[in-house]
PDB file of N, CA and C in Angstrom:
ATOM      1  N   MET A   1     134.751 117.541  92.154  1.00  0.00           N
ATOM      2  CA  MET A   1     135.424 117.782  93.419  1.00  0.00           C
ATOM      3  C   MET A   1     134.439 117.538  94.557  1.00  0.00           C
ATOM      4  N   THR A   2     134.833 116.769  95.516  1.00  0.00           N
ATOM      5  CA  THR A   2     133.992 116.445  96.662  1.00  0.00           C
ATOM      6  C   THR A   2     134.114 117.541  97.713  1.00  0.00           C
ATOM      7  N   ASP A   3     132.993 117.935  98.271  1.00  0.00           N
ATOM      8  CA  ASP A   3     132.968 118.938  99.335  1.00  0.00           C
ATOM      9  C   ASP A   3     133.593 118.328 100.584  1.00  0.00           C
ATOM     10  N   PRO A   4     134.699 118.867 101.093  1.00  0.00           N
ATOM     11  CA  PRO A   4     135.355 118.281 102.272  1.00  0.00           C
ATOM     12  C   PRO A   4     134.520 118.394 103.544  1.00  0.00           C
ATOM     13  N   LEU A   5     133.502 119.268 103.542  1.00  0.00           N
ATOM     14  CA  LEU A   5     132.646 119.429 104.715  1.00  0.00           C
ATOM     15  C   LEU A   5     131.358 118.623 104.624  1.00  0.00           C
ATOM     16  N   ALA A   6     131.177 117.917 103.509  1.00  0.00           N
ATOM     17  CA  ALA A   6     129.957 117.131 103.322  1.00  0.00           C
ATOM     18  C   ALA A   6     129.916 115.986 104.326  1.00  0.00           C
ATOM     19  N   ILE A   7     128.731 115.736 104.870  1.00  0.00           N
ATOM     20  CA  ILE A   7     128.545 114.620 105.796  1.00  0.00           C
ATOM     21  C   ILE A   7     128.340 113.369 104.961  1.00  0.00           C
ATOM     22  N   VAL A   8     129.153 112.382 105.208  1.00  0.00           N
ATOM     23  CA  VAL A   8     129.087 111.144 104.440  1.00  0.00           C
ATOM     24  C   VAL A   8     128.899 109.986 105.407  1.00  0.00           C
ATOM     25  N   CYS A   9     127.956 109.131 105.103  1.00  0.00           N
ATOM     26  CA  CYS A   9     127.731 107.934 105.911  1.00  0.00           C
ATOM     27  C   CYS A   9     128.085 106.734 105.054  1.00  0.00           C
ATOM     28  N   ASP A  10     129.118 106.019 105.442  1.00  0.00           N
ATOM     29  CA  ASP A  10     129.508 104.835 104.683  1.00  0.00           C
ATOM     30  C   ASP A  10     129.169 103.547 105.418  1.00  0.00           C
ATOM     31  N   HIS A  11     128.309 103.665 106.429  1.00  0.00           N
ATOM     32  CA  HIS A  11     127.896 102.504 107.199  1.00  0.00           C
ATOM     33  C   HIS A  11     126.943 101.666 106.342  1.00  0.00           C
ATOM     34  N   GLU A  12     127.238 100.394 106.162  1.00  0.00           N
ATOM     35  CA  GLU A  12     126.470  99.568 105.241  1.00  0.00           C
ATOM     36  C   GLU A  12     125.162  99.035 105.789  1.00  0.00           C
ATOM     37  N   HIS A  13     125.078  98.752 107.090  1.00  0.00           N
ATOM     38  CA  HIS A  13     123.879  98.121 107.634  1.00  0.00           C
ATOM     39  C   HIS A  13     123.458  98.805 108.916  1.00  0.00           C
ATOM     40  N   GLY A  14     122.234  99.313 108.938  1.00  0.00           N
ATOM     41  CA  GLY A  14     121.693  99.901 110.159  1.00  0.00           C
ATOM     42  C   GLY A  14     122.165 101.323 110.390  1.00  0.00           C
ATOM     43  N   CYS A  15     121.767 101.853 111.492  1.00  0.00           N
ATOM     44  CA  CYS A  15     122.078 103.226 111.878  1.00  0.00           C
ATOM     45  C   CYS A  15     123.498 103.299 112.430  1.00  0.00           C
ATOM     46  N   ILE A  16     124.293 104.216 111.914  1.00  0.00           N
ATOM     47  CA  ILE A  16     125.676 104.346 112.364  1.00  0.00           C
ATOM     48  C   ILE A  16     125.740 104.787 113.828  1.00  0.00           C
ATOM     49  N   THR A  17     124.698 105.487 114.299  1.00  0.00           N
ATOM     50  CA  THR A  17     124.690 105.978 115.665  1.00  0.00           C
ATOM     51  C   THR A  17     124.353 104.885 116.674  1.00  0.00           C
ATOM     52  N   CYS A  18     123.288 104.129 116.405  1.00  0.00           N
ATOM     53  CA  CYS A  18     122.843 103.159 117.411  1.00  0.00           C
ATOM     54  C   CYS A  18     122.876 101.708 116.943  1.00  0.00           C
ATOM     55  N   GLY A  19     123.129 101.471 115.666  1.00  0.00           N
ATOM     56  CA  GLY A  19     123.205 100.114 115.164  1.00  0.00           C
ATOM     57  C   GLY A  19     121.862  99.486 114.820  1.00  0.00           C
ATOM     58  N   ASP A  20     120.770 100.178 115.133  1.00  0.00           N
ATOM     59  CA  ASP A  20     119.444  99.643 114.825  1.00  0.00           C
ATOM     60  C   ASP A  20     119.144  99.734 113.334  1.00  0.00           C
ATOM     61  N   GLU A  21     118.218  98.906 112.902  1.00  0.00           N
ATOM     62  CA  GLU A  21     117.702  98.991 111.546  1.00  0.00           C
ATOM     63  C   GLU A  21     116.239  99.370 111.630  1.00  0.00           C
ATOM     64  N   ALA A  22     115.771 100.104 110.651  1.00  0.00           N
ATOM     65  CA  ALA A  22     114.353 100.440 110.596  1.00  0.00           C
ATOM     66  C   ALA A  22     113.574  99.175 110.242  1.00  0.00           C
ATOM     67  N   MET A  23     112.355  99.080 110.776  1.00  0.00           N
ATOM     68  CA  MET A  23     111.526  97.915 110.471  1.00  0.00           C
ATOM     69  C   MET A  23     110.091  98.351 110.176  1.00  0.00           C
ATOM     70  N   ALA A  24     109.450  97.602 109.308  1.00  0.00           N
ATOM     71  CA  ALA A  24     108.047  97.853 108.999  1.00  0.00           C
ATOM     72  C   ALA A  24     107.191  97.300 110.128  1.00  0.00           C
ATOM     73  N   MET A  25     106.230  98.099 110.580  1.00  0.00           N
ATOM     74  CA  MET A  25     105.319  97.671 111.633  1.00  0.00           C
ATOM     75  C   MET A  25     103.893  98.072 111.255  1.00  0.00           C
ATOM     76  N   ARG A  26     102.922  97.326 111.784  1.00  0.00           N
ATOM     77  CA  ARG A  26     101.503  97.605 111.543  1.00  0.00           C
ATOM     78  C   ARG A  26     100.931  98.326 112.748  1.00  0.00           C
ATOM     79  N   VAL A  27     100.185  99.404 112.478  1.00  0.00           N
ATOM     80  CA  VAL A  27      99.544 100.172 113.551  1.00  0.00           C
ATOM     81  C   VAL A  27      98.356  99.378 114.080  1.00  0.00           C
ATOM     82  N   VAL A  28      98.317  99.168 115.392  1.00  0.00           N
ATOM     83  CA  VAL A  28      97.234  98.430 116.041  1.00  0.00           C
ATOM     84  C   VAL A  28      96.232  99.400 116.660  1.00  0.00           C
ATOM     85  N   ARG A  29      96.746 100.411 117.370  1.00  0.00           N
ATOM     86  CA  ARG A  29      95.879 101.371 118.068  1.00  0.00           C
ATOM     87  C   ARG A  29      96.592 102.720 118.097  1.00  0.00           C
ATOM     88  N   VAL A  30      95.828 103.808 118.040  1.00  0.00           N
ATOM     89  CA  VAL A  30      96.400 105.155 118.007  1.00  0.00           C
ATOM     90  C   VAL A  30      95.930 105.955 119.216  1.00  0.00           C
ATOM     91  N   ASP A  31      96.868 106.648 119.862  1.00  0.00           N
ATOM     92  CA  ASP A  31      96.569 107.595 120.933  1.00  0.00           C
ATOM     93  C   ASP A  31      96.912 108.985 120.384  1.00  0.00           C
ATOM     94  N   GLU A  32      95.942 109.619 119.735  1.00  0.00           N
ATOM     95  CA  GLU A  32      96.179 110.895 119.065  1.00  0.00           C
ATOM     96  C   GLU A  32      96.605 111.992 120.038  1.00  0.00           C
ATOM     97  N   ALA A  33      96.071 111.975 121.243  1.00  0.00           N
ATOM     98  CA  ALA A  33      96.393 113.015 122.220  1.00  0.00           C
ATOM     99  C   ALA A  33      97.879 113.027 122.571  1.00  0.00           C
ATOM    100  N   ARG A  34      98.517 111.850 122.551  1.00  0.00           N
ATOM    101  CA  ARG A  34      99.941 111.759 122.899  1.00  0.00           C
ATOM    102  C   ARG A  34     100.829 111.520 121.684  1.00  0.00           C
ATOM    103  N   ALA A  35     100.240 111.486 120.479  1.00  0.00           N
ATOM    104  CA  ALA A  35     100.979 111.233 119.228  1.00  0.00           C
ATOM    105  C   ALA A  35     101.765 109.927 119.314  1.00  0.00           C
ATOM    106  N   LEU A  36     101.085 108.880 119.828  1.00  0.00           N
ATOM    107  CA  LEU A  36     101.683 107.558 119.947  1.00  0.00           C
ATOM    108  C   LEU A  36     100.778 106.516 119.293  1.00  0.00           C
ATOM    109  N   ALA A  37     101.390 105.429 118.878  1.00  0.00           N
ATOM    110  CA  ALA A  37     100.616 104.312 118.349  1.00  0.00           C
ATOM    111  C   ALA A  37     101.194 103.016 118.896  1.00  0.00           C
ATOM    112  N   LEU A  38     100.328 102.073 119.181  1.00  0.00           N
ATOM    113  CA  LEU A  38     100.765 100.720 119.497  1.00  0.00           C
ATOM    114  C   LEU A  38     100.954 100.043 118.148  1.00  0.00           C
ATOM    115  N   CYS A  39     102.151  99.538 117.900  1.00  0.00           N
ATOM    116  CA  CYS A  39     102.456  98.917 116.617  1.00  0.00           C
ATOM    117  C   CYS A  39     102.945  97.499 116.823  1.00  0.00           C
ATOM    118  N   GLU A  40     102.760  96.687 115.782  1.00  0.00           N
ATOM    119  CA  GLU A  40     103.128  95.278 115.852  1.00  0.00           C
ATOM    120  C   GLU A  40     104.063  94.927 114.701  1.00  0.00           C
ATOM    121  N   ALA A  41     105.175  94.268 115.040  1.00  0.00           N
ATOM    122  CA  ALA A  41     106.130  93.795 114.040  1.00  0.00           C
ATOM    123  C   ALA A  41     105.616  92.496 113.424  1.00  0.00           C
ATOM    124  N   GLU A  42     106.266  92.068 112.374  1.00  0.00           N
ATOM    125  CA  GLU A  42     105.858  90.842 111.682  1.00  0.00           C
ATOM    126  C   GLU A  42     105.855  89.625 112.593  1.00  0.00           C
ATOM    127  N   GLY A  43     106.776  89.563 113.547  1.00  0.00           N
ATOM    128  CA  GLY A  43     106.872  88.433 114.458  1.00  0.00           C
ATOM    129  C   GLY A  43     105.895  88.487 115.618  1.00  0.00           C
ATOM    130  N   GLY A  44     105.072  89.561 115.684  1.00  0.00           N
ATOM    131  CA  GLY A  44     104.083  89.681 116.742  1.00  0.00           C
ATOM    132  C   GLY A  44     104.497  90.565 117.901  1.00  0.00           C
ATOM    133  N   GLU A  45     105.758  91.007 117.928  1.00  0.00           N
ATOM    134  CA  GLU A  45     106.214  91.882 119.005  1.00  0.00           C
ATOM    135  C   GLU A  45     105.519  93.231 118.880  1.00  0.00           C
ATOM    136  N   ARG A  46     105.095  93.777 120.005  1.00  0.00           N
ATOM    137  CA  ARG A  46     104.410  95.070 120.000  1.00  0.00           C
ATOM    138  C   ARG A  46     105.219  96.103 120.759  1.00  0.00           C
ATOM    139  N   SER A  47     105.124  97.356 120.305  1.00  0.00           N
ATOM    140  CA  SER A  47     105.789  98.448 121.009  1.00  0.00           C
ATOM    141  C   SER A  47     105.074  99.755 120.735  1.00  0.00           C
ATOM    142  N   SER A  48     105.290 100.704 121.637  1.00  0.00           N
ATOM    143  CA  SER A  48     104.737 102.040 121.495  1.00  0.00           C
ATOM    144  C   SER A  48     105.657 102.836 120.575  1.00  0.00           C
ATOM    145  N   VAL A  49     105.067 103.539 119.614  1.00  0.00           N
ATOM    146  CA  VAL A  49     105.832 104.252 118.593  1.00  0.00           C
ATOM    147  C   VAL A  49     105.348 105.691 118.498  1.00  0.00           C
ATOM    148  N   GLU A  50     106.277 106.632 118.457  1.00  0.00           N
ATOM    149  CA  GLU A  50     105.929 108.030 118.235  1.00  0.00           C
ATOM    150  C   GLU A  50     105.516 108.199 116.778  1.00  0.00           C
ATOM    151  N   ILE A  51     104.404 108.893 116.530  1.00  0.00           N
ATOM    152  CA  ILE A  51     103.890 109.021 115.167  1.00  0.00           C
ATOM    153  C   ILE A  51     103.813 110.464 114.680  1.00  0.00           C
ATOM    154  N   GLY A  52     104.385 111.402 115.421  1.00  0.00           N
ATOM    155  CA  GLY A  52     104.294 112.816 115.064  1.00  0.00           C
ATOM    156  C   GLY A  52     104.797 113.146 113.672  1.00  0.00           C
ATOM    157  N   LEU A  53     105.791 112.423 113.169  1.00  0.00           N
ATOM    158  CA  LEU A  53     106.349 112.709 111.848  1.00  0.00           C
ATOM    159  C   LEU A  53     105.476 112.206 110.707  1.00  0.00           C
ATOM    160  N   VAL A  54     104.582 111.260 110.976  1.00  0.00           N
ATOM    161  CA  VAL A  54     103.772 110.668 109.902  1.00  0.00           C
ATOM    162  C   VAL A  54     102.277 110.811 110.144  1.00  0.00           C
ATOM    163  N   ASP A  55     101.907 111.517 111.192  1.00  0.00           N
ATOM    164  CA  ASP A  55     100.504 111.691 111.552  1.00  0.00           C
ATOM    165  C   ASP A  55      99.739 112.322 110.399  1.00  0.00           C
ATOM    166  N   PRO A  56      98.552 111.917 110.060  1.00  0.00           N
ATOM    167  CA  PRO A  56      97.722 110.959 110.775  1.00  0.00           C
ATOM    168  C   PRO A  56      97.933 109.524 110.281  1.00  0.00           C
ATOM    169  N   VAL A  57      97.822 108.592 111.210  1.00  0.00           N
ATOM    170  CA  VAL A  57      97.806 107.175 110.875  1.00  0.00           C
ATOM    171  C   VAL A  57      96.563 106.556 111.493  1.00  0.00           C
ATOM    172  N   THR A  58      96.153 105.443 110.950  1.00  0.00           N
ATOM    173  CA  THR A  58      94.988 104.732 111.459  1.00  0.00           C
ATOM    174  C   THR A  58      95.348 103.260 111.637  1.00  0.00           C
ATOM    175  N   PRO A  59      94.611 102.555 112.491  1.00  0.00           N
ATOM    176  CA  PRO A  59      94.873 101.122 112.654  1.00  0.00           C
ATOM    177  C   PRO A  59      94.869 100.410 111.304  1.00  0.00           C
ATOM    178  N   GLY A  60      95.853  99.547 111.115  1.00  0.00           N
ATOM    179  CA  GLY A  60      96.000  98.827 109.856  1.00  0.00           C
ATOM    180  C   GLY A  60      97.066  99.423 108.955  1.00  0.00           C
ATOM    181  N   ASP A  61      97.395 100.707 109.143  1.00  0.00           N
ATOM    182  CA  ASP A  61      98.462 101.322 108.361  1.00  0.00           C
ATOM    183  C   ASP A  61      99.786 100.657 108.690  1.00  0.00           C
ATOM    184  N   ARG A  62     100.715 100.702 107.748  1.00  0.00           N
ATOM    185  CA  ARG A  62     102.069 100.202 107.982  1.00  0.00           C
ATOM    186  C   ARG A  62     103.018 101.384 107.986  1.00  0.00           C
ATOM    187  N   VAL A  63     103.933 101.387 108.954  1.00  0.00           N
ATOM    188  CA  VAL A  63     104.900 102.471 109.088  1.00  0.00           C
ATOM    189  C   VAL A  63     106.306 101.904 109.195  1.00  0.00           C
ATOM    190  N   LEU A  64     107.279 102.695 108.771  1.00  0.00           N
ATOM    191  CA  LEU A  64     108.680 102.335 108.910  1.00  0.00           C
ATOM    192  C   LEU A  64     109.159 102.950 110.211  1.00  0.00           C
ATOM    193  N   VAL A  65     109.637 102.106 111.144  1.00  0.00           N
ATOM    194  CA  VAL A  65     109.971 102.548 112.492  1.00  0.00           C
ATOM    195  C   VAL A  65     111.464 102.379 112.759  1.00  0.00           C
ATOM    196  N   HIS A  66     112.058 103.416 113.339  1.00  0.00           N
ATOM    197  CA  HIS A  66     113.452 103.373 113.758  1.00  0.00           C
ATOM    198  C   HIS A  66     113.558 104.062 115.104  1.00  0.00           C
ATOM    199  N   ALA A  67     114.179 103.401 116.055  1.00  0.00           N
ATOM    200  CA  ALA A  67     114.416 103.967 117.386  1.00  0.00           C
ATOM    201  C   ALA A  67     113.128 104.480 118.029  1.00  0.00           C
ATOM    202  N   GLY A  68     112.029 103.736 117.858  1.00  0.00           N
ATOM    203  CA  GLY A  68     110.764 104.085 118.497  1.00  0.00           C
ATOM    204  C   GLY A  68     109.997 105.211 117.835  1.00  0.00           C
ATOM    205  N   THR A  69     110.419 105.615 116.634  1.00  0.00           N
ATOM    206  CA  THR A  69     109.766 106.703 115.919  1.00  0.00           C
ATOM    207  C   THR A  69     109.384 106.248 114.521  1.00  0.00           C
ATOM    208  N   ALA A  70     108.134 106.485 114.137  1.00  0.00           N
ATOM    209  CA  ALA A  70     107.696 106.189 112.776  1.00  0.00           C
ATOM    210  C   ALA A  70     108.267 107.270 111.864  1.00  0.00           C
ATOM    211  N   LEU A  71     109.038 106.843 110.871  1.00  0.00           N
ATOM    212  CA  LEU A  71     109.690 107.781 109.960  1.00  0.00           C
ATOM    213  C   LEU A  71     108.939 107.967 108.656  1.00  0.00           C
ATOM    214  N   GLN A  72     108.149 106.962 108.283  1.00  0.00           N
ATOM    215  CA  GLN A  72     107.484 107.006 106.987  1.00  0.00           C
ATOM    216  C   GLN A  72     106.255 106.117 107.008  1.00  0.00           C
ATOM    217  N   LEU A  73     105.201 106.578 106.373  1.00  0.00           N
ATOM    218  CA  LEU A  73     104.014 105.765 106.163  1.00  0.00           C
ATOM    219  C   LEU A  73     104.266 104.925 104.929  1.00  0.00           C
ATOM    220  N   LEU A  74     104.128 103.611 105.036  1.00  0.00           N
ATOM    221  CA  LEU A  74     104.377 102.708 103.908  1.00  0.00           C
ATOM    222  C   LEU A  74     103.099 102.457 103.144  1.00  0.00           C
ATOM    223  N   GLU A  75     103.227 102.384 101.854  1.00  0.00           N
ATOM    224  CA  GLU A  75     102.064 102.073 101.021  1.00  0.00           C
ATOM    225  C   GLU A  75     101.846 100.576 101.013  1.00  0.00           C
ATOM    226  N   LEU A  76     100.600 100.179 100.989  1.00  0.00           N
ATOM    227  CA  LEU A  76     100.272  98.760 100.946  1.00  0.00           C
ATOM    228  C   LEU A  76     100.546  98.211  99.550  1.00  0.00           C
ATOM    229  N   ALA A  77     101.126  97.027  99.502  1.00  0.00           N
ATOM    230  CA  ALA A  77     101.330  96.370  98.216  1.00  0.00           C
ATOM    231  C   ALA A  77      99.988  95.903  97.701  1.00  0.00           C
ATOM    232  N   GLY A  78      99.746  96.093  96.455  1.00  0.00           N
ATOM    233  CA  GLY A  78      98.453  95.681  95.969  1.00  0.00           C
ATOM    234  C   GLY A  78      98.376  95.594  94.569  1.00  0.00           C
TER     235      GLY A  78
END
């Protein structure tokens, strides 16, 4: 029996709220005092990212970013 009050997301692609998709980005520089990092996407685009949820990060780390917030520290393939 399914809980009728359960929250269910059946959206197939991206965030149901804003339509964005999370993307992997590389940390370029960290501003620990403000819990921000300058991050770079695969195509070279750079943006400021909140890192409070995954702190500590260091330059070179890869993070999964959604809506300007790093949600997860990604492990390097190796």
